[in-house]
C-alpha atoms as a PDB file:
ATOM      1  CA  MET A   1       0.941   7.255  28.075  1.00  0.00           C
ATOM      2  CA  ILE A   2       0.991   3.466  28.124  1.00  0.00           C
ATOM      3  CA  ASP A   3       2.238   2.087  31.398  1.00  0.00           C
ATOM      4  CA  THR A   4       3.602  -1.423  30.945  1.00  0.00           C
ATOM      5  CA  SER A   5       6.553  -1.038  33.315  1.00  0.00           C
ATOM      6  CA  PRO A   6       5.362  -3.525  35.976  1.00  0.00           C
ATOM      7  CA  TYR A   7       5.060  -6.264  33.369  1.00  0.00           C
ATOM      8  CA  LEU A   8       7.320  -5.321  30.497  1.00  0.00           C
ATOM      9  CA  GLN A   9      10.338  -7.551  30.148  1.00  0.00           C
ATOM     10  CA  ARG A  10      11.669  -5.882  27.051  1.00  0.00           C
ATOM     11  CA  SER A  11      10.455  -3.101  24.822  1.00  0.00           C
ATOM     12  CA  PHE A  12      11.461  -2.439  21.244  1.00  0.00           C
ATOM     13  CA  VAL A  13      10.590   0.980  19.818  1.00  0.00           C
ATOM     14  CA  ARG A  14      11.085   1.202  16.079  1.00  0.00           C
ATOM     15  CA  ASN A  15      10.571   4.930  15.758  1.00  0.00           C
ATOM     16  CA  LYS A  16      11.272   8.083  17.714  1.00  0.00           C
ATOM     17  CA  PRO A  17       8.812  10.644  16.398  1.00  0.00           C
ATOM     18  CA  SER A  18       9.949  13.802  18.215  1.00  0.00           C
ATOM     19  CA  ARG A  19      12.917  14.816  16.010  1.00  0.00           C
ATOM     20  CA  LEU A  20      11.350  13.693  12.754  1.00  0.00           C
ATOM     21  CA  LEU A  21       8.045  15.343  13.497  1.00  0.00           C
ATOM     22  CA  GLN A  22       9.741  18.595  14.419  1.00  0.00           C
ATOM     23  CA  ASP A  23      11.582  18.593  11.106  1.00  0.00           C
ATOM     24  CA  TYR A  24       8.340  18.176   9.172  1.00  0.00           C
ATOM     25  CA  ALA A  25       6.552  20.805  11.264  1.00  0.00           C
ATOM     26  CA  GLY A  26       9.163  23.473  10.657  1.00  0.00           C
ATOM     27  CA  ASN A  27      11.178  22.675  13.798  1.00  0.00           C
ATOM     28  CA  GLN A  28       8.136  23.538  15.874  1.00  0.00           C
ATOM     29  CA  ARG A  29       7.661  21.605  19.111  1.00  0.00           C
ATOM     30  CA  LEU A  30       4.339  19.748  19.276  1.00  0.00           C
ATOM     31  CA  ASN A  31       3.224  18.407  22.631  1.00  0.00           C
ATOM     32  CA  ALA A  32       0.444  15.854  23.090  1.00  0.00           C
ATOM     33  CA  THR A  33      -2.195  18.559  23.519  1.00  0.00           C
ATOM     34  CA  ASP A  34      -1.129  20.298  20.317  1.00  0.00           C
ATOM     35  CA  LYS A  35      -1.268  17.070  18.362  1.00  0.00           C
ATOM     36  CA  GLU A  36      -4.695  16.179  19.700  1.00  0.00           C
ATOM     37  CA  LYS A  37      -6.044  19.587  18.671  1.00  0.00           C
ATOM     38  CA  ASP A  38      -4.493  19.192  15.243  1.00  0.00           C
ATOM     39  CA  ARG A  39      -5.900  15.676  14.871  1.00  0.00           C
ATOM     40  CA  ARG A  40      -9.403  16.983  15.407  1.00  0.00           C
ATOM     41  CA  ARG A  41      -9.006  19.760  12.838  1.00  0.00           C
ATOM     42  CA  ALA A  42     -11.013  18.912   9.740  1.00  0.00           C
ATOM     43  CA  GLY A  43      -9.240  18.423   6.428  1.00  0.00           C
ATOM     44  CA  CYS A  44      -5.760  18.387   7.909  1.00  0.00           C
ATOM     45  CA  ARG A  45      -2.466  17.059   6.690  1.00  0.00           C
ATOM     46  CA  THR A  46      -1.301  13.939   8.472  1.00  0.00           C
ATOM     47  CA  PHE A  47       2.139  12.384   8.719  1.00  0.00           C
ATOM     48  CA  ALA A  48       1.853   8.654   9.445  1.00  0.00           C
ATOM     49  CA  LEU A  49       5.007   7.317  11.057  1.00  0.00           C
ATOM     50  CA  THR A  50       5.626   3.611  10.522  1.00  0.00           C
ATOM     51  CA  GLY A  51       8.832   1.703  10.969  1.00  0.00           C
ATOM     52  CA  SER A  52      11.567   4.332  10.880  1.00  0.00           C
ATOM     53  CA  ARG A  53      10.058   6.429   8.074  1.00  0.00           C
ATOM     54  CA  ILE A  54       7.524   9.231   7.846  1.00  0.00           C
ATOM     55  CA  HIS A  55       4.991   9.132   5.015  1.00  0.00           C
ATOM     56  CA  PRO A  56       3.222  12.473   4.427  1.00  0.00           C
ATOM     57  CA  ILE A  57      -0.437  12.100   3.480  1.00  0.00           C
ATOM     58  CA  LEU A  58      -2.450  15.038   2.197  1.00  0.00           C
ATOM     59  CA  ALA A  59      -6.163  14.742   2.931  1.00  0.00           C
ATOM     60  CA  PRO A  60      -8.579  15.796   0.131  1.00  0.00           C
ATOM     61  CA  ASP A  61      -9.442  19.505   0.094  1.00  0.00           C
ATOM     62  CA  CYS A  62      -6.795  20.176   2.707  1.00  0.00           C
ATOM     63  CA  GLU A  63      -6.650  23.807   3.799  1.00  0.00           C
ATOM     64  CA  GLY A  64      -4.581  25.671   6.343  1.00  0.00           C
ATOM     65  CA  PRO A  65      -1.206  24.803   7.857  1.00  0.00           C
ATOM     66  CA  PRO A  66      -0.179  21.147   8.057  1.00  0.00           C
ATOM     67  CA  CYS A  67      -0.540  19.242  11.307  1.00  0.00           C
ATOM     68  CA  VAL A  68       1.247  16.137  12.496  1.00  0.00           C
ATOM     69  CA  MET A  69      -0.174  12.848  13.746  1.00  0.00           C
ATOM     70  CA  ALA A  70       2.061   9.803  14.082  1.00  0.00           C
ATOM     71  CA  THR A  71       1.208   6.156  14.473  1.00  0.00           C
ATOM     72  CA  THR A  72       3.969   4.369  16.343  1.00  0.00           C
ATOM     73  CA  LEU A  73       4.507   0.643  15.784  1.00  0.00           C
ATOM     74  CA  ARG A  74       6.079  -1.109  18.741  1.00  0.00           C
ATOM     75  CA  ALA A  75       6.894  -4.736  19.631  1.00  0.00           C
ATOM     76  CA  ILE A  76       7.048  -5.825  23.267  1.00  0.00           C
ATOM     77  CA  GLN A  77       7.261  -9.006  25.296  1.00  0.00           C
ATOM     78  CA  ALA A  78       4.508  -8.870  27.902  1.00  0.00           C
ATOM     79  CA  ASP A  79       1.250 -10.325  29.200  1.00  0.00           C
ATOM     80  CA  ILE A  80      -1.422  -8.740  27.007  1.00  0.00           C
ATOM     81  CA  THR A  81      -4.012  -8.912  29.797  1.00  0.00           C
ATOM     82  CA  THR A  82      -1.970  -6.451  31.881  1.00  0.00           C
ATOM     83  CA  LEU A  83      -1.446  -3.702  29.303  1.00  0.00           C
ATOM     84  CA  HIS A  84      -2.812  -0.242  30.037  1.00  0.00           C
ATOM     85  CA  VAL A  85      -4.000   0.552  26.517  1.00  0.00           C
ATOM     86  CA  ASP A  86      -7.346   1.689  25.149  1.00  0.00           C
ATOM     87  CA  ALA A  87      -8.010  -1.751  23.674  1.00  0.00           C
ATOM     88  CA  VAL A  88      -6.462  -5.184  23.351  1.00  0.00           C
ATOM     89  CA  VAL A  89      -7.189  -7.622  20.554  1.00  0.00           C
ATOM     90  CA  ASN A  90      -8.354 -11.121  21.397  1.00  0.00           C
ATOM     91  CA  ALA A  91      -7.427 -14.033  19.133  1.00  0.00           C
ATOM     92  CA  ALA A  92     -10.942 -15.420  19.358  1.00  0.00           C
ATOM     93  CA  ASN A  93     -12.828 -18.399  18.003  1.00  0.00           C
ATOM     94  CA  GLU A  94     -15.987 -18.054  15.918  1.00  0.00           C
ATOM     95  CA  SER A  95     -18.248 -18.499  18.944  1.00  0.00           C
ATOM     96  CA  LEU A  96     -16.398 -15.722  20.841  1.00  0.00           C
ATOM     97  CA  LEU A  97     -16.604 -17.947  23.917  1.00  0.00           C
ATOM     98  CA  PRO A  98     -13.599 -18.816  26.123  1.00  0.00           C
ATOM     99  CA  GLY A  99     -10.985 -21.017  24.522  1.00  0.00           C
ATOM    100  CA  GLY A 100      -7.310 -21.775  24.972  1.00  0.00           C
ATOM    101  CA  GLY A 101      -4.222 -19.595  24.711  1.00  0.00           C
ATOM    102  CA  VAL A 102      -4.698 -15.827  24.501  1.00  0.00           C
ATOM    103  CA  CYS A 103      -8.467 -16.193  24.239  1.00  0.00           C
ATOM    104  CA  GLY A 104      -8.719 -18.117  27.495  1.00  0.00           C
ATOM    105  CA  ALA A 105      -6.330 -15.763  29.281  1.00  0.00           C
ATOM    106  CA  ILE A 106      -8.314 -12.687  28.244  1.00  0.00           C
ATOM    107  CA  HIS A 107     -11.629 -14.220  29.312  1.00  0.00           C
ATOM    108  CA  ARG A 108     -10.215 -15.261  32.675  1.00  0.00           C
ATOM    109  CA  ALA A 109      -8.736 -11.834  33.337  1.00  0.00           C
ATOM    110  CA  ALA A 110     -11.804  -9.915  32.133  1.00  0.00           C
ATOM    111  CA  GLY A 111     -14.234 -11.971  34.212  1.00  0.00           C
ATOM    112  CA  PRO A 112     -17.563 -13.691  33.476  1.00  0.00           C
ATOM    113  CA  GLU A 113     -19.205 -10.471  32.306  1.00  0.00           C
ATOM    114  CA  LEU A 114     -17.187 -10.734  29.097  1.00  0.00           C
ATOM    115  CA  MET A 115     -18.621 -14.134  28.233  1.00  0.00           C
ATOM    116  CA  ASN A 116     -22.135 -12.816  28.850  1.00  0.00           C
ATOM    117  CA  GLU A 117     -21.625  -9.975  26.379  1.00  0.00           C
ATOM    118  CA  CYS A 118     -20.012 -12.312  23.848  1.00  0.00           C
ATOM    119  CA  ARG A 119     -23.059 -14.590  23.986  1.00  0.00           C
ATOM    120  CA  LEU A 120     -25.249 -11.645  23.034  1.00  0.00           C
ATOM    121  CA  ILE A 121     -23.111 -10.832  19.994  1.00  0.00           C
ATOM    122  CA  GLY A 122     -23.746 -14.229  18.470  1.00  0.00           C
ATOM    123  CA  GLY A 123     -20.346 -15.103  17.066  1.00  0.00           C
ATOM    124  CA  CYS A 124     -17.888 -13.696  14.542  1.00  0.00           C
ATOM    125  CA  ARG A 125     -16.773 -14.825  11.096  1.00  0.00           C
ATOM    126  CA  THR A 126     -13.151 -15.598  10.282  1.00  0.00           C
ATOM    127  CA  GLY A 127     -11.362 -12.400   9.278  1.00  0.00           C
ATOM    128  CA  ASP A 128     -13.961 -10.171  10.936  1.00  0.00           C
ATOM    129  CA  ALA A 129     -13.857  -8.342  14.293  1.00  0.00           C
ATOM    130  CA  LYS A 130     -16.287  -7.458  17.102  1.00  0.00           C
ATOM    131  CA  LEU A 131     -15.988  -5.005  20.003  1.00  0.00           C
ATOM    132  CA  THR A 132     -16.826  -5.528  23.688  1.00  0.00           C
ATOM    133  CA  LYS A 133     -16.055  -3.788  26.943  1.00  0.00           C
ATOM    134  CA  GLY A 134     -12.805  -4.656  28.708  1.00  0.00           C
ATOM    135  CA  TYR A 135     -14.488  -5.315  32.069  1.00  0.00           C
ATOM    136  CA  ARG A 136     -11.788  -6.275  34.594  1.00  0.00           C
ATOM    137  CA  LEU A 137      -8.889  -5.707  32.200  1.00  0.00           C
ATOM    138  CA  PRO A 138      -6.856  -2.483  32.398  1.00  0.00           C
ATOM    139  CA  ALA A 139      -7.921  -1.923  28.763  1.00  0.00           C
ATOM    140  CA  ASP A 140     -11.243  -0.196  28.183  1.00  0.00           C
ATOM    141  CA  TYR A 141     -12.197  -2.406  25.250  1.00  0.00           C
ATOM    142  CA  ILE A 142     -11.522  -5.801  23.718  1.00  0.00           C
ATOM    143  CA  ILE A 143     -11.584  -6.291  19.974  1.00  0.00           C
ATOM    144  CA  HIS A 144     -12.286  -9.944  19.161  1.00  0.00           C
ATOM    145  CA  THR A 145     -11.047 -11.189  15.804  1.00  0.00           C
ATOM    146  CA  VAL A 146     -11.101 -14.718  14.412  1.00  0.00           C
ATOM    147  CA  GLY A 147      -7.987 -15.830  12.595  1.00  0.00           C
ATOM    148  CA  PRO A 148      -7.809 -18.626  10.029  1.00  0.00           C
ATOM    149  CA  VAL A 149      -6.762 -22.185  10.767  1.00  0.00           C
ATOM    150  CA  TRP A 150      -3.604 -23.003   8.815  1.00  0.00           C
ATOM    151  CA  HIS A 151      -4.170 -25.480   5.963  1.00  0.00           C
ATOM    152  CA  GLY A 152      -0.922 -24.948   4.113  1.00  0.00           C
ATOM    153  CA  GLY A 153      -1.826 -21.512   2.779  1.00  0.00           C
ATOM    154  CA  GLN A 154      -4.054 -22.810  -0.014  1.00  0.00           C
ATOM    155  CA  ARG A 155      -7.431 -21.826   1.468  1.00  0.00           C
ATOM    156  CA  GLY A 156      -7.087 -18.067   1.571  1.00  0.00           C
ATOM    157  CA  GLU A 157      -5.340 -17.988   4.942  1.00  0.00           C
ATOM    158  CA  PRO A 158      -3.037 -15.005   4.185  1.00  0.00           C
ATOM    159  CA  GLU A 159      -5.909 -12.764   3.084  1.00  0.00           C
ATOM    160  CA  LEU A 160      -8.088 -13.832   6.010  1.00  0.00           C
ATOM    161  CA  LEU A 161      -5.282 -13.131   8.477  1.00  0.00           C
ATOM    162  CA  ALA A 162      -4.606  -9.721   6.938  1.00  0.00           C
ATOM    163  CA  SER A 163      -8.341  -9.035   7.203  1.00  0.00           C
ATOM    164  CA  CYS A 164      -8.164  -9.700  10.956  1.00  0.00           C
ATOM    165  CA  TYR A 165      -5.683  -6.849  11.347  1.00  0.00           C
ATOM    166  CA  ARG A 166      -7.427  -4.487   8.934  1.00  0.00           C
ATOM    167  CA  THR A 167     -10.886  -4.942  10.445  1.00  0.00           C
ATOM    168  CA  SER A 168      -9.548  -4.673  14.000  1.00  0.00           C
ATOM    169  CA  LEU A 169      -7.680  -1.470  13.185  1.00  0.00           C
ATOM    170  CA  ALA A 170     -10.705   0.004  11.406  1.00  0.00           C
ATOM    171  CA  LEU A 171     -12.984  -0.869  14.313  1.00  0.00           C
ATOM    172  CA  ALA A 172     -10.552   0.699  16.769  1.00  0.00           C
ATOM    173  CA  ASN A 173     -10.258   3.843  14.692  1.00  0.00           C
ATOM    174  CA  ASP A 174     -14.043   4.165  14.338  1.00  0.00           C
ATOM    175  CA  LYS A 175     -14.428   3.843  18.120  1.00  0.00           C
ATOM    176  CA  GLY A 176     -11.871   6.581  18.778  1.00  0.00           C
ATOM    177  CA  ILE A 177      -9.335   4.166  20.251  1.00  0.00           C
ATOM    178  CA  THR A 178      -5.807   5.585  20.110  1.00  0.00           C
ATOM    179  CA  THR A 179      -3.657   2.815  21.652  1.00  0.00           C
ATOM    180  CA  LEU A 180      -4.096  -0.807  20.633  1.00  0.00           C
ATOM    181  CA  ALA A 181      -2.284  -4.078  21.384  1.00  0.00           C
ATOM    182  CA  PHE A 182      -2.335  -7.178  19.183  1.00  0.00           C
ATOM    183  CA  PRO A 183      -1.324 -10.726  20.069  1.00  0.00           C
ATOM    184  CA  SER A 184       0.057 -12.914  17.307  1.00  0.00           C
ATOM    185  CA  ILE A 185      -3.195 -14.065  15.724  1.00  0.00           C
ATOM    186  CA  SER A 186      -3.601 -17.686  14.526  1.00  0.00           C
ATOM    187  CA  THR A 187      -0.095 -18.795  15.570  1.00  0.00           C
ATOM    188  CA  GLY A 188      -1.223 -20.913  18.535  1.00  0.00           C
ATOM    189  CA  ILE A 189      -3.486 -23.930  18.138  1.00  0.00           C
ATOM    190  CA  TYR A 190      -4.542 -22.673  14.690  1.00  0.00           C
ATOM    191  CA  GLY A 191      -1.021 -23.486  13.510  1.00  0.00           C
ATOM    192  CA  TYR A 192      -0.149 -20.494  11.321  1.00  0.00           C
ATOM    193  CA  PRO A 193       3.649 -20.317  10.802  1.00  0.00           C
ATOM    194  CA  PHE A 194       4.849 -17.567  13.127  1.00  0.00           C
ATOM    195  CA  ASP A 195       7.236 -15.722  10.813  1.00  0.00           C
ATOM    196  CA  GLU A 196       4.668 -15.546   8.012  1.00  0.00           C
ATOM    197  CA  ALA A 197       1.954 -14.404  10.412  1.00  0.00           C
ATOM    198  CA  ALA A 198       4.187 -11.659  11.846  1.00  0.00           C
ATOM    199  CA  ARG A 199       5.013 -10.417   8.365  1.00  0.00           C
ATOM    200  CA  ILE A 200       1.321 -10.183   7.485  1.00  0.00           C
ATOM    201  CA  ALA A 201       0.578  -8.416  10.782  1.00  0.00           C
ATOM    202  CA  ILE A 202       3.175  -5.708  10.204  1.00  0.00           C
ATOM    203  CA  THR A 203       2.364  -5.249   6.516  1.00  0.00           C
ATOM    204  CA  ALA A 204      -1.377  -4.851   7.159  1.00  0.00           C
ATOM    205  CA  THR A 205      -0.778  -2.474  10.065  1.00  0.00           C
ATOM    206  CA  ARG A 206       1.689  -0.336   8.138  1.00  0.00           C
ATOM    207  CA  GLU A 207      -0.740  -0.070   5.249  1.00  0.00           C
ATOM    208  CA  PHE A 208      -3.518   1.051   7.588  1.00  0.00           C
ATOM    209  CA  ALA A 209      -1.258   3.526   9.387  1.00  0.00           C
ATOM    210  CA  GLY A 210      -0.252   4.997   6.045  1.00  0.00           C
ATOM    211  CA  LYS A 211      -3.684   6.646   5.829  1.00  0.00           C
ATOM    212  CA  PRO A 212      -5.119   9.369   8.073  1.00  0.00           C
ATOM    213  CA  THR A 213      -6.007   7.726  11.369  1.00  0.00           C
ATOM    214  CA  GLY A 214      -6.577   8.598  15.011  1.00  0.00           C
ATOM    215  CA  LEU A 215      -4.406   5.708  16.217  1.00  0.00           C
ATOM    216  CA  SER A 216      -1.298   6.932  17.980  1.00  0.00           C
ATOM    217  CA  GLU A 217       0.281   3.585  18.902  1.00  0.00           C
ATOM    218  CA  VAL A 218      -0.096  -0.030  17.834  1.00  0.00           C
ATOM    219  CA  MET A 219       1.720  -2.654  19.865  1.00  0.00           C
ATOM    220  CA  PHE A 220       2.549  -6.233  18.905  1.00  0.00           C
ATOM    221  CA  CYS A 221       2.562  -8.180  22.164  1.00  0.00           C
ATOM    222  CA  CYS A 222       4.883 -11.183  21.991  1.00  0.00           C
ATOM    223  CA  PHE A 223       4.846 -14.254  24.193  1.00  0.00           C
ATOM    224  CA  SER A 224       8.516 -15.221  24.001  1.00  0.00           C
ATOM    225  CA  GLU A 225      11.933 -13.683  23.424  1.00  0.00           C
ATOM    226  CA  ASN A 226      12.205 -15.492  20.087  1.00  0.00           C
ATOM    227  CA  ASP A 227       8.821 -14.129  18.982  1.00  0.00           C
ATOM    228  CA  LEU A 228       9.950 -10.632  19.905  1.00  0.00           C
ATOM    229  CA  LYS A 229      13.105 -10.982  17.801  1.00  0.00           C
ATOM    230  CA  VAL A 230      11.007 -11.867  14.746  1.00  0.00           C
ATOM    231  CA  TYR A 231       8.959  -8.693  15.147  1.00  0.00           C
ATOM    232  CA  GLU A 232      12.076  -6.635  15.854  1.00  0.00           C
ATOM    233  CA  LYS A 233      13.648  -7.762  12.607  1.00  0.00           C
ATOM    234  CA  LEU A 234      10.528  -7.110  10.532  1.00  0.00           C
ATOM    235  CA  LEU A 235       9.900  -3.703  12.076  1.00  0.00           C
ATOM    236  CA  ASP A 236      13.483  -2.753  11.305  1.00  0.00           C
ATOM    237  CA  GLU A 237      12.972  -3.418   7.593  1.00  0.00           C
ATOM    238  CA  PRO A 238      11.989  -0.484   5.350  1.00  0.00           C
ATOM    239  CA  GLN A 239       8.305  -0.371   4.562  1.00  0.00           C
ATOM    240  CA  GLY A 240       7.441  -2.462   1.533  1.00  0.00           C
ATOM    241  CA  THR A 241      10.284  -4.940   1.971  1.00  0.00           C
ATOM    242  CA  GLU A 242       8.546  -7.030   4.651  1.00  0.00           C
ATOM    243  CA  ARG A 243       6.322  -8.735   2.103  1.00  0.00           C
END
């Protein structure tokens, strides 16, 4: 479970998997242990839960009874450096060294060991992602991704921003990370319009969660009440209409 209670000011859960998952599993109760066993079963059937809808996905050469694995999308207002998740995403710069905003806060909270590891990595291209330890953070890992600087949307910014989410999610999934928290990438000093950035974040994440994945929960960590309301509204829209 993710424990954000000491820091969480407001939580917004867009889906409640228990009832829906039971319906799809023949009204059979599935606890966390059951779902983990099913997730590890090769060639299984996965139900990816995004927004308020379940999308059944049949893996190739699927055999045996279906199993259920849900990815929950959640928006919260909290300090990302305090979240007890497997990994948090850092809105990094190309050098991966400490900067302002979320990047600076994560480096300060994680301690100097983070900067030492980032120096060894040797940077990161815009739209790509790199993985480090979490050090002094509650999170085990930090995924560093470099968002685009806003130039009016005419220099490939939307695709680069979507790539930040896709590559971060893929890296998390490959590492076996199950709970992940994103900040709002590129909306600080890089100047990306917040509403457009949030729409891209949710669209890219929903698309990724619509395929078989080991991720159980993806959180969008918002700085302000107004930011949270933007994510709430977008998460409440049916999948495909947030574009």
